[in-house]
Amino acid sequence: MTDERDEAGGEEGADNATGAGGAFEIPIDGTLDLHTFRPADVRDLVPGYLEACRERGILEVRIVHGKGTGALRETVHSILARLPDVSSYRLEGSGRGGWGATLVSLKPLF
């Protein structure tokens, strides 16, 4: 992931990632919406996105995985459970996304 403008004039603070349509920009703003990604990309995408957030001092992150069958939520939670830089995570309250989003608390870099 990078934090520089690409040659096509990409947005600063956005990173390159691989999704269903190839490489594109992901804003590092504390919300990762997985609806636009292939399930196969999630295992690499989530840790990289969380690390980019930590580098920017964003320690509270919202991961939107949708409600669906729960398979993507379970995948996200299994990834989060193995990451040493994750302090905690929980399903978002019923007011904003309920069990369709997970809130993640990250440990600071220092």
Foldseek 3Di string as FASTA:
>chain_A
DDQDQDPVGDDGQWDWDQAPVGIDTDHLDQEAECPRHDLVRVLVPVVVSCVSCLVVVNFKHKYFQADPPCPSVVVVVVSLVPDPQWPDKDADDPPPHGNRMMITGGHHPD
